[in-house]
């Protein structure tokens, strides 16, 4: 899977989506995603297999289990294991649900 394919898959969820951040103010719910780091596998002194780590962030005004499940089901359908963190952002009055995934070979 490539970054472009990840974007296309997330876009099917029907929420506003942007890489990193939006240019204009968005009302929740919305999604952002971005490259975080890489854990490439090395062999013979070179990067043998790409392993790019991405963060996908779901923002909601209230706890929204249905949207979380929708996103999680999409990640599962793409065979992308994830870890999940949740934060309440008091200044913004919204929840941030952070999913960490890894795309290999893209």
PDB file of N, CA and C in Angstrom:
ATOM      1  N   UNK A   1       0.844  -1.182   0.000  1.00  0.00           N
ATOM      2  CA  UNK A   1       0.000   0.000   0.000  1.00  0.00           C
ATOM      3  C   UNK A   1       0.881   1.235   0.000  1.00  0.00           C
ATOM      4  N   UNK A   2       0.447   2.247  -0.707  1.00  0.00           N
ATOM      5  CA  UNK A   2       1.164   3.522  -0.763  1.00  0.00           C
ATOM      6  C   UNK A   2       0.402   4.566   0.052  1.00  0.00           C
ATOM      7  N   UNK A   3       1.046   5.703   0.246  1.00  0.00           N
ATOM      8  CA  UNK A   3       0.391   6.806   0.944  1.00  0.00           C
ATOM      9  C   UNK A   3      -0.844   7.272   0.170  1.00  0.00           C
ATOM     10  N   UNK A   4      -0.756   7.315  -1.131  1.00  0.00           N
ATOM     11  CA  UNK A   4      -1.898   7.720  -1.963  1.00  0.00           C
ATOM     12  C   UNK A   4      -3.057   6.738  -1.805  1.00  0.00           C
ATOM     13  N   UNK A   5      -2.758   5.452  -1.729  1.00  0.00           N
ATOM     14  CA  UNK A   5      -3.804   4.450  -1.536  1.00  0.00           C
ATOM     15  C   UNK A   5      -4.437   4.576  -0.149  1.00  0.00           C
ATOM     16  N   UNK A   6      -3.619   4.891   0.849  1.00  0.00           N
ATOM     17  CA  UNK A   6      -4.146   5.124   2.197  1.00  0.00           C
ATOM     18  C   UNK A   6      -5.123   6.298   2.177  1.00  0.00           C
ATOM     19  N   UNK A   7      -4.734   7.396   1.553  1.00  0.00           N
ATOM     20  CA  UNK A   7      -5.605   8.567   1.443  1.00  0.00           C
ATOM     21  C   UNK A   7      -6.925   8.198   0.761  1.00  0.00           C
ATOM     22  N   UNK A   8      -6.848   7.490  -0.347  1.00  0.00           N
ATOM     23  CA  UNK A   8      -8.047   7.096  -1.088  1.00  0.00           C
ATOM     24  C   UNK A   8      -8.966   6.228  -0.223  1.00  0.00           C
ATOM     25  N   UNK A   9      -8.392   5.321   0.541  1.00  0.00           N
ATOM     26  CA  UNK A   9      -9.187   4.446   1.404  1.00  0.00           C
ATOM     27  C   UNK A   9      -9.859   5.240   2.523  1.00  0.00           C
ATOM     28  N   UNK A  10      -9.131   6.168   3.133  1.00  0.00           N
ATOM     29  CA  UNK A  10      -9.712   6.978   4.205  1.00  0.00           C
ATOM     30  C   UNK A  10     -10.800   7.902   3.664  1.00  0.00           C
ATOM     31  N   UNK A  11     -10.630   8.360   2.448  1.00  0.00           N
ATOM     32  CA  UNK A  11     -11.613   9.255   1.825  1.00  0.00           C
ATOM     33  C   UNK A  11     -12.974   8.572   1.669  1.00  0.00           C
ATOM     34  N   UNK A  12     -12.987   7.252   1.528  1.00  0.00           N
ATOM     35  CA  UNK A  12     -14.255   6.524   1.367  1.00  0.00           C
ATOM     36  C   UNK A  12     -15.113   6.570   2.629  1.00  0.00           C
ATOM     37  N   UNK A  13     -14.547   7.011   3.750  1.00  0.00           N
ATOM     38  CA  UNK A  13     -15.310   7.090   4.995  1.00  0.00           C
ATOM     39  C   UNK A  13     -16.287   8.265   4.991  1.00  0.00           C
ATOM     40  N   UNK A  14     -16.157   9.166   4.029  1.00  0.00           N
ATOM     41  CA  UNK A  14     -17.100  10.262   3.890  1.00  0.00           C
ATOM     42  C   UNK A  14     -16.889  11.432   4.824  1.00  0.00           C
ATOM     43  N   UNK A  15     -15.724  11.517   5.445  1.00  0.00           N
ATOM     44  CA  UNK A  15     -15.396  12.639   6.330  1.00  0.00           C
ATOM     45  C   UNK A  15     -14.371  13.541   5.656  1.00  0.00           C
ATOM     46  N   UNK A  16     -14.353  14.836   6.016  1.00  0.00           N
ATOM     47  CA  UNK A  16     -13.267  15.681   5.517  1.00  0.00           C
ATOM     48  C   UNK A  16     -11.929  15.089   5.956  1.00  0.00           C
ATOM     49  N   UNK A  17     -10.955  15.092   5.059  1.00  0.00           N
ATOM     50  CA  UNK A  17      -9.650  14.508   5.360  1.00  0.00           C
ATOM     51  C   UNK A  17      -8.555  15.386   4.785  1.00  0.00           C
ATOM     52  N   UNK A  18      -7.456  15.502   5.527  1.00  0.00           N
ATOM     53  CA  UNK A  18      -6.315  16.298   5.062  1.00  0.00           C
ATOM     54  C   UNK A  18      -5.027  15.674   5.566  1.00  0.00           C
ATOM     55  N   UNK A  19      -3.962  15.913   4.798  1.00  0.00           N
ATOM     56  CA  UNK A  19      -2.643  15.490   5.246  1.00  0.00           C
ATOM     57  C   UNK A  19      -2.117  16.557   6.204  1.00  0.00           C
ATOM     58  N   UNK A  20      -1.809  16.180   7.420  1.00  0.00           N
ATOM     59  CA  UNK A  20      -1.238  17.088   8.418  1.00  0.00           C
ATOM     60  C   UNK A  20      -2.276  17.973   9.075  1.00  0.00           C
ATOM     61  N   UNK A  21      -2.811  18.926   8.327  1.00  0.00           N
ATOM     62  CA  UNK A  21      -3.830  19.822   8.877  1.00  0.00           C
ATOM     63  C   UNK A  21      -4.607  20.449   7.730  1.00  0.00           C
ATOM     64  N   UNK A  22      -5.713  21.040   8.079  1.00  0.00           N
ATOM     65  CA  UNK A  22      -6.538  21.724   7.090  1.00  0.00           C
ATOM     66  C   UNK A  22      -6.088  23.178   6.951  1.00  0.00           C
ATOM     67  N   UNK A  23      -6.288  23.751   5.797  1.00  0.00           N
ATOM     68  CA  UNK A  23      -5.974  25.160   5.569  1.00  0.00           C
ATOM     69  C   UNK A  23      -7.028  26.038   6.233  1.00  0.00           C
ATOM     70  N   UNK A  24      -8.279  25.577   6.217  1.00  0.00           N
ATOM     71  CA  UNK A  24      -9.377  26.319   6.834  1.00  0.00           C
ATOM     72  C   UNK A  24      -9.863  25.575   8.073  1.00  0.00           C
ATOM     73  N   UNK A  25     -10.579  26.262   8.927  1.00  0.00           N
ATOM     74  CA  UNK A  25     -11.119  25.652  10.137  1.00  0.00           C
ATOM     75  C   UNK A  25     -12.173  24.612   9.762  1.00  0.00           C
ATOM     76  N   UNK A  26     -12.074  23.458  10.394  1.00  0.00           N
ATOM     77  CA  UNK A  26     -13.027  22.371  10.165  1.00  0.00           C
ATOM     78  C   UNK A  26     -13.810  22.107  11.445  1.00  0.00           C
ATOM     79  N   UNK A  27     -15.078  21.863  11.300  1.00  0.00           N
ATOM     80  CA  UNK A  27     -15.879  21.409  12.426  1.00  0.00           C
ATOM     81  C   UNK A  27     -15.820  19.888  12.459  1.00  0.00           C
ATOM     82  N   UNK A  28     -15.705  19.309  13.664  1.00  0.00           N
ATOM     83  CA  UNK A  28     -15.675  17.857  13.743  1.00  0.00           C
ATOM     84  C   UNK A  28     -17.017  17.259  13.345  1.00  0.00           C
ATOM     85  N   UNK A  29     -17.002  16.041  12.835  1.00  0.00           N
ATOM     86  CA  UNK A  29     -15.873  15.115  12.754  1.00  0.00           C
ATOM     87  C   UNK A  29     -15.052  15.323  11.482  1.00  0.00           C
ATOM     88  N   UNK A  30     -13.756  15.058  11.615  1.00  0.00           N
ATOM     89  CA  UNK A  30     -12.848  15.080  10.476  1.00  0.00           C
ATOM     90  C   UNK A  30     -11.637  14.218  10.790  1.00  0.00           C
ATOM     91  N   UNK A  31     -10.850  13.949   9.740  1.00  0.00           N
ATOM     92  CA  UNK A  31      -9.666  13.086   9.860  1.00  0.00           C
ATOM     93  C   UNK A  31      -8.452  13.828   9.313  1.00  0.00           C
ATOM     94  N   UNK A  32      -7.331  13.683  10.018  1.00  0.00           N
ATOM     95  CA  UNK A  32      -6.043  14.072   9.453  1.00  0.00           C
ATOM     96  C   UNK A  32      -5.131  12.847   9.518  1.00  0.00           C
ATOM     97  N   UNK A  33      -4.138  12.837   8.671  1.00  0.00           N
ATOM     98  CA  UNK A  33      -3.148  11.755   8.717  1.00  0.00           C
ATOM     99  C   UNK A  33      -1.810  12.339   8.308  1.00  0.00           C
ATOM    100  N   UNK A  34      -0.732  11.695   8.753  1.00  0.00           N
ATOM    101  CA  UNK A  34       0.597  12.151   8.352  1.00  0.00           C
ATOM    102  C   UNK A  34       1.644  11.079   8.637  1.00  0.00           C
ATOM    103  N   UNK A  35       2.722  11.184   7.892  1.00  0.00           N
ATOM    104  CA  UNK A  35       3.885  10.330   8.094  1.00  0.00           C
ATOM    105  C   UNK A  35       4.500  10.684   9.441  1.00  0.00           C
ATOM    106  N   UNK A  36       4.886   9.683  10.228  1.00  0.00           N
ATOM    107  CA  UNK A  36       5.486   9.920  11.541  1.00  0.00           C
ATOM    108  C   UNK A  36       6.966   9.540  11.573  1.00  0.00           C
ATOM    109  N   UNK A  37       7.296   8.375  11.028  1.00  0.00           N
ATOM    110  CA  UNK A  37       8.680   7.893  11.051  1.00  0.00           C
ATOM    111  C   UNK A  37       8.762   6.649  10.171  1.00  0.00           C
ATOM    112  N   UNK A  38       9.955   6.102  10.078  1.00  0.00           N
ATOM    113  CA  UNK A  38      10.065   4.829   9.361  1.00  0.00           C
ATOM    114  C   UNK A  38      10.893   3.851  10.158  1.00  0.00           C
ATOM    115  N   UNK A  39      10.638   2.592   9.923  1.00  0.00           N
ATOM    116  CA  UNK A  39      11.356   1.481  10.558  1.00  0.00           C
ATOM    117  C   UNK A  39      11.796   0.515   9.468  1.00  0.00           C
ATOM    118  N   UNK A  40      12.424   1.054   8.434  1.00  0.00           N
ATOM    119  CA  UNK A  40      12.849   0.210   7.322  1.00  0.00           C
ATOM    120  C   UNK A  40      13.705  -0.958   7.805  1.00  0.00           C
ATOM    121  N   UNK A  41      13.592  -2.061   7.098  1.00  0.00           N
ATOM    122  CA  UNK A  41      14.437  -3.219   7.369  1.00  0.00           C
ATOM    123  C   UNK A  41      15.658  -3.130   6.464  1.00  0.00           C
ATOM    124  N   UNK A  42      16.814  -3.386   7.047  1.00  0.00           N
ATOM    125  CA  UNK A  42      18.071  -3.237   6.322  1.00  0.00           C
ATOM    126  C   UNK A  42      18.696  -4.593   6.029  1.00  0.00           C
ATOM    127  N   UNK A  43      19.344  -4.671   4.878  1.00  0.00           N
ATOM    128  CA  UNK A  43      20.116  -5.857   4.503  1.00  0.00           C
ATOM    129  C   UNK A  43      21.220  -5.404   3.557  1.00  0.00           C
ATOM    130  N   UNK A  44      22.383  -5.956   3.730  1.00  0.00           N
ATOM    131  CA  UNK A  44      23.518  -5.634   2.864  1.00  0.00           C
ATOM    132  C   UNK A  44      23.760  -4.130   2.768  1.00  0.00           C
ATOM    133  N   UNK A  45      23.671  -3.464   3.912  1.00  0.00           N
ATOM    134  CA  UNK A  45      23.948  -2.027   4.004  1.00  0.00           C
ATOM    135  C   UNK A  45      23.007  -1.154   3.177  1.00  0.00           C
ATOM    136  N   UNK A  46      21.773  -1.585   3.006  1.00  0.00           N
ATOM    137  CA  UNK A  46      20.805  -0.727   2.323  1.00  0.00           C
ATOM    138  C   UNK A  46      19.401  -1.000   2.854  1.00  0.00           C
ATOM    139  N   UNK A  47      18.515  -0.076   2.571  1.00  0.00           N
ATOM    140  CA  UNK A  47      17.120  -0.229   2.971  1.00  0.00           C
ATOM    141  C   UNK A  47      16.494  -1.291   2.070  1.00  0.00           C
ATOM    142  N   UNK A  48      16.186  -2.438   2.663  1.00  0.00           N
ATOM    143  CA  UNK A  48      15.679  -3.560   1.883  1.00  0.00           C
ATOM    144  C   UNK A  48      14.151  -3.541   1.775  1.00  0.00           C
ATOM    145  N   UNK A  49      13.479  -3.219   2.890  1.00  0.00           N
ATOM    146  CA  UNK A  49      12.015  -3.197   2.902  1.00  0.00           C
ATOM    147  C   UNK A  49      11.562  -1.921   3.596  1.00  0.00           C
ATOM    148  N   UNK A  50      10.766  -1.118   2.896  1.00  0.00           N
ATOM    149  CA  UNK A  50      10.244   0.119   3.473  1.00  0.00           C
ATOM    150  C   UNK A  50       9.174  -0.211   4.507  1.00  0.00           C
ATOM    151  N   UNK A  51       9.227   0.485   5.624  1.00  0.00           N
ATOM    152  CA  UNK A  51       8.219   0.340   6.685  1.00  0.00           C
ATOM    153  C   UNK A  51       7.927   1.732   7.225  1.00  0.00           C
ATOM    154  N   UNK A  52       6.902   2.377   6.668  1.00  0.00           N
ATOM    155  CA  UNK A  52       6.562   3.752   7.026  1.00  0.00           C
ATOM    156  C   UNK A  52       5.443   3.782   8.064  1.00  0.00           C
ATOM    157  N   UNK A  53       5.682   4.529   9.134  1.00  0.00           N
ATOM    158  CA  UNK A  53       4.705   4.675  10.207  1.00  0.00           C
ATOM    159  C   UNK A  53       3.884   5.948   9.978  1.00  0.00           C
ATOM    160  N   UNK A  54       2.570   5.801  10.046  1.00  0.00           N
ATOM    161  CA  UNK A  54       1.660   6.926   9.873  1.00  0.00           C
ATOM    162  C   UNK A  54       0.775   7.068  11.098  1.00  0.00           C
ATOM    163  N   UNK A  55       0.331   8.292  11.336  1.00  0.00           N
ATOM    164  CA  UNK A  55      -0.660   8.574  12.362  1.00  0.00           C
ATOM    165  C   UNK A  55      -1.935   9.029  11.667  1.00  0.00           C
ATOM    166  N   UNK A  56      -3.033   8.416  12.037  1.00  0.00           N
ATOM    167  CA  UNK A  56      -4.346   8.802  11.541  1.00  0.00           C
ATOM    168  C   UNK A  56      -5.106   9.334  12.748  1.00  0.00           C
ATOM    169  N   UNK A  57      -5.632  10.552  12.635  1.00  0.00           N
ATOM    170  CA  UNK A  57      -6.298  11.184  13.758  1.00  0.00           C
ATOM    171  C   UNK A  57      -7.760  11.471  13.410  1.00  0.00           C
ATOM    172  N   UNK A  58      -8.645  10.934  14.225  1.00  0.00           N
ATOM    173  CA  UNK A  58     -10.080  11.181  14.097  1.00  0.00           C
ATOM    174  C   UNK A  58     -10.459  12.193  15.172  1.00  0.00           C
ATOM    175  N   UNK A  59     -11.065  13.297  14.755  1.00  0.00           N
ATOM    176  CA  UNK A  59     -11.503  14.335  15.695  1.00  0.00           C
ATOM    177  C   UNK A  59     -13.025  14.362  15.736  1.00  0.00           C
ATOM    178  N   UNK A  60     -13.586  14.334  16.957  1.00  0.00           N
ATOM    179  CA  UNK A  60     -15.030  14.379  17.138  1.00  0.00           C
ATOM    180  C   UNK A  60     -15.368  15.309  18.301  1.00  0.00           C
ATOM    181  N   UNK A  61     -16.551  15.917  18.251  1.00  0.00           N
ATOM    182  CA  UNK A  61     -16.985  16.823  19.312  1.00  0.00           C
ATOM    183  C   UNK A  61     -17.462  16.058  20.547  1.00  0.00           C
ATOM    184  N   UNK A  62     -17.980  14.856  20.326  1.00  0.00           N
ATOM    185  CA  UNK A  62     -18.415  13.987  21.424  1.00  0.00           C
ATOM    186  C   UNK A  62     -17.810  12.612  21.190  1.00  0.00           C
ATOM    187  N   UNK A  63     -17.822  11.790  22.210  1.00  0.00           N
ATOM    188  CA  UNK A  63     -17.337  10.417  22.042  1.00  0.00           C
ATOM    189  C   UNK A  63     -18.224   9.733  21.011  1.00  0.00           C
ATOM    190  N   UNK A  64     -17.616   9.274  19.915  1.00  0.00           N
ATOM    191  CA  UNK A  64     -18.382   8.751  18.787  1.00  0.00           C
ATOM    192  C   UNK A  64     -17.909   7.336  18.448  1.00  0.00           C
ATOM    193  N   UNK A  65     -18.448   6.374  19.169  1.00  0.00           N
ATOM    194  CA  UNK A  65     -18.034   4.977  18.988  1.00  0.00           C
ATOM    195  C   UNK A  65     -18.329   4.465  17.589  1.00  0.00           C
ATOM    196  N   UNK A  66     -19.403   4.940  16.986  1.00  0.00           N
ATOM    197  CA  UNK A  66     -19.762   4.473  15.640  1.00  0.00           C
ATOM    198  C   UNK A  66     -18.706   4.903  14.619  1.00  0.00           C
ATOM    199  N   UNK A  67     -18.241   6.140  14.694  1.00  0.00           N
ATOM    200  CA  UNK A  67     -17.203   6.604  13.745  1.00  0.00           C
ATOM    201  C   UNK A  67     -15.871   5.902  14.009  1.00  0.00           C
ATOM    202  N   UNK A  68     -15.561   5.675  15.278  1.00  0.00           N
ATOM    203  CA  UNK A  68     -14.338   4.938  15.603  1.00  0.00           C
ATOM    204  C   UNK A  68     -14.396   3.539  14.993  1.00  0.00           C
ATOM    205  N   UNK A  69     -15.544   2.883  15.149  1.00  0.00           N
ATOM    206  CA  UNK A  69     -15.692   1.533  14.587  1.00  0.00           C
ATOM    207  C   UNK A  69     -15.577   1.561  13.069  1.00  0.00           C
ATOM    208  N   UNK A  70     -16.170   2.569  12.442  1.00  0.00           N
ATOM    209  CA  UNK A  70     -16.090   2.709  10.993  1.00  0.00           C
ATOM    210  C   UNK A  70     -14.632   2.798  10.534  1.00  0.00           C
ATOM    211  N   UNK A  71     -13.853   3.628  11.211  1.00  0.00           N
ATOM    212  CA  UNK A  71     -12.435   3.781  10.855  1.00  0.00           C
ATOM    213  C   UNK A  71     -11.668   2.504  11.150  1.00  0.00           C
ATOM    214  N   UNK A  72     -11.916   1.898  12.294  1.00  0.00           N
ATOM    215  CA  UNK A  72     -11.226   0.665  12.652  1.00  0.00           C
ATOM    216  C   UNK A  72     -11.562  -0.467  11.678  1.00  0.00           C
ATOM    217  N   UNK A  73     -12.827  -0.553  11.280  1.00  0.00           N
ATOM    218  CA  UNK A  73     -13.214  -1.569  10.303  1.00  0.00           C
ATOM    219  C   UNK A  73     -12.509  -1.344   8.975  1.00  0.00           C
ATOM    220  N   UNK A  74     -12.337  -0.083   8.586  1.00  0.00           N
ATOM    221  CA  UNK A  74     -11.616   0.223   7.335  1.00  0.00           C
ATOM    222  C   UNK A  74     -10.164  -0.237   7.451  1.00  0.00           C
ATOM    223  N   UNK A  75      -9.513   0.062   8.573  1.00  0.00           N
ATOM    224  CA  UNK A  75      -8.118  -0.358   8.757  1.00  0.00           C
ATOM    225  C   UNK A  75      -8.005  -1.884   8.738  1.00  0.00           C
ATOM    226  N   UNK A  76      -8.954  -2.547   9.368  1.00  0.00           N
ATOM    227  CA  UNK A  76      -8.943  -4.019   9.371  1.00  0.00           C
ATOM    228  C   UNK A  76      -9.143  -4.561   7.962  1.00  0.00           C
ATOM    229  N   UNK A  77     -10.038  -3.950   7.193  1.00  0.00           N
ATOM    230  CA  UNK A  77     -10.285  -4.423   5.829  1.00  0.00           C
ATOM    231  C   UNK A  77      -9.060  -4.239   4.940  1.00  0.00           C
ATOM    232  N   UNK A  78      -8.206  -3.277   5.294  1.00  0.00           N
ATOM    233  CA  UNK A  78      -6.968  -3.027   4.550  1.00  0.00           C
ATOM    234  C   UNK A  78      -5.805  -3.855   5.094  1.00  0.00           C
ATOM    235  N   UNK A  79      -6.088  -4.700   6.083  1.00  0.00           N
ATOM    236  CA  UNK A  79      -5.049  -5.504   6.750  1.00  0.00           C
ATOM    237  C   UNK A  79      -3.957  -4.627   7.342  1.00  0.00           C
ATOM    238  N   UNK A  80      -4.370  -3.525   7.966  1.00  0.00           N
ATOM    239  CA  UNK A  80      -3.441  -2.611   8.626  1.00  0.00           C
ATOM    240  C   UNK A  80      -3.646  -2.686  10.138  1.00  0.00           C
ATOM    241  N   UNK A  81      -2.801  -3.449  10.843  1.00  0.00           N
ATOM    242  CA  UNK A  81      -2.904  -3.464  12.300  1.00  0.00           C
ATOM    243  C   UNK A  81      -2.672  -2.050  12.832  1.00  0.00           C
ATOM    244  N   UNK A  82      -3.307  -1.735  13.951  1.00  0.00           N
ATOM    245  CA  UNK A  82      -3.182  -0.389  14.494  1.00  0.00           C
ATOM    246  C   UNK A  82      -3.092  -0.435  16.012  1.00  0.00           C
ATOM    247  N   UNK A  83      -2.529   0.616  16.571  1.00  0.00           N
ATOM    248  CA  UNK A  83      -2.667   0.886  17.997  1.00  0.00           C
ATOM    249  C   UNK A  83      -3.479   2.165  18.098  1.00  0.00           C
ATOM    250  N   UNK A  84      -4.142   2.347  19.240  1.00  0.00           N
ATOM    251  CA  UNK A  84      -5.115   3.427  19.371  1.00  0.00           C
ATOM    252  C   UNK A  84      -4.897   4.168  20.685  1.00  0.00           C
ATOM    253  N   UNK A  85      -4.945   5.484  20.614  1.00  0.00           N
ATOM    254  CA  UNK A  85      -4.851   6.344  21.793  1.00  0.00           C
ATOM    255  C   UNK A  85      -5.988   7.353  21.735  1.00  0.00           C
ATOM    256  N   UNK A  86      -6.456   7.779  22.894  1.00  0.00           N
ATOM    257  CA  UNK A  86      -7.527   8.777  22.937  1.00  0.00           C
ATOM    258  C   UNK A  86      -7.127   9.931  23.837  1.00  0.00           C
ATOM    259  N   UNK A  87      -7.444  11.154  23.389  1.00  0.00           N
ATOM    260  CA  UNK A  87      -7.153  12.359  24.157  1.00  0.00           C
ATOM    261  C   UNK A  87      -8.320  13.326  24.042  1.00  0.00           C
ATOM    262  N   UNK A  88      -8.672  13.966  25.147  1.00  0.00           N
ATOM    263  CA  UNK A  88      -9.617  15.077  25.119  1.00  0.00           C
ATOM    264  C   UNK A  88      -8.798  16.359  25.019  1.00  0.00           C
ATOM    265  N   UNK A  89      -9.045  17.162  24.008  1.00  0.00           N
ATOM    266  CA  UNK A  89      -8.331  18.432  23.822  1.00  0.00           C
ATOM    267  C   UNK A  89      -9.238  19.526  24.369  1.00  0.00           C
ATOM    268  N   UNK A  90      -8.967  19.949  25.574  1.00  0.00           N
ATOM    269  CA  UNK A  90      -9.846  20.887  26.267  1.00  0.00           C
ATOM    270  C   UNK A  90      -9.956  22.224  25.539  1.00  0.00           C
ATOM    271  N   UNK A  91      -8.842  22.744  25.024  1.00  0.00           N
ATOM    272  CA  UNK A  91      -8.860  24.047  24.341  1.00  0.00           C
ATOM    273  C   UNK A  91      -9.750  24.019  23.098  1.00  0.00           C
ATOM    274  N   UNK A  92      -9.803  22.880  22.433  1.00  0.00           N
ATOM    275  CA  UNK A  92     -10.583  22.733  21.199  1.00  0.00           C
ATOM    276  C   UNK A  92     -11.968  22.141  21.449  1.00  0.00           C
ATOM    277  N   UNK A  93     -12.170  21.607  22.656  1.00  0.00           N
ATOM    278  CA  UNK A  93     -13.428  20.945  23.018  1.00  0.00           C
ATOM    279  C   UNK A  93     -13.758  19.813  22.046  1.00  0.00           C
ATOM    280  N   UNK A  94     -12.769  18.943  21.849  1.00  0.00           N
ATOM    281  CA  UNK A  94     -12.997  17.785  20.984  1.00  0.00           C
ATOM    282  C   UNK A  94     -12.091  16.635  21.395  1.00  0.00           C
ATOM    283  N   UNK A  95     -12.519  15.450  20.982  1.00  0.00           N
ATOM    284  CA  UNK A  95     -11.721  14.251  21.191  1.00  0.00           C
ATOM    285  C   UNK A  95     -10.795  14.046  19.997  1.00  0.00           C
ATOM    286  N   UNK A  96      -9.614  13.558  20.305  1.00  0.00           N
ATOM    287  CA  UNK A  96      -8.674  13.122  19.272  1.00  0.00           C
ATOM    288  C   UNK A  96      -8.460  11.622  19.501  1.00  0.00           C
ATOM    289  N   UNK A  97      -8.814  10.833  18.507  1.00  0.00           N
ATOM    290  CA  UNK A  97      -8.543   9.402  18.548  1.00  0.00           C
ATOM    291  C   UNK A  97      -7.415   9.169  17.557  1.00  0.00           C
ATOM    292  N   UNK A  98      -6.278   8.752  18.072  1.00  0.00           N
ATOM    293  CA  UNK A  98      -5.061   8.596  17.274  1.00  0.00           C
ATOM    294  C   UNK A  98      -4.826   7.120  16.984  1.00  0.00           C
ATOM    295  N   UNK A  99      -4.697   6.801  15.712  1.00  0.00           N
ATOM    296  CA  UNK A  99      -4.381   5.444  15.268  1.00  0.00           C
ATOM    297  C   UNK A  99      -2.984   5.456  14.680  1.00  0.00           C
ATOM    298  N   UNK A 100      -2.144   4.565  15.135  1.00  0.00           N
ATOM    299  CA  UNK A 100      -0.799   4.418  14.591  1.00  0.00           C
ATOM    300  C   UNK A 100      -0.765   3.154  13.764  1.00  0.00           C
ATOM    301  N   UNK A 101      -0.349   3.305  12.493  1.00  0.00           N
ATOM    302  CA  UNK A 101      -0.286   2.168  11.587  1.00  0.00           C
ATOM    303  C   UNK A 101       1.090   2.118  10.929  1.00  0.00           C
ATOM    304  N   UNK A 102       1.366   1.013  10.274  1.00  0.00           N
ATOM    305  CA  UNK A 102       2.608   0.881   9.522  1.00  0.00           C
ATOM    306  C   UNK A 102       2.286   0.311   8.147  1.00  0.00           C
ATOM    307  N   UNK A 103       2.830   0.977   7.134  1.00  0.00           N
ATOM    308  CA  UNK A 103       2.685   0.514   5.753  1.00  0.00           C
ATOM    309  C   UNK A 103       4.038  -0.025   5.313  1.00  0.00           C
ATOM    310  N   UNK A 104       4.077  -1.289   4.929  1.00  0.00           N
ATOM    311  CA  UNK A 104       5.341  -1.887   4.502  1.00  0.00           C
ATOM    312  C   UNK A 104       5.343  -2.093   2.992  1.00  0.00           C
ATOM    313  N   UNK A 105       6.493  -1.910   2.438  1.00  0.00           N
ATOM    314  CA  UNK A 105       6.682  -2.181   1.021  1.00  0.00           C
ATOM    315  C   UNK A 105       6.180  -1.112   0.075  1.00  0.00           C
ATOM    316  N   UNK A 106       5.562  -0.047   0.597  1.00  0.00           N
ATOM    317  CA  UNK A 106       4.994   0.981  -0.267  1.00  0.00           C
ATOM    318  C   UNK A 106       5.994   1.972  -0.665  1.00  0.00           C
TER     319      UNK A 106
END
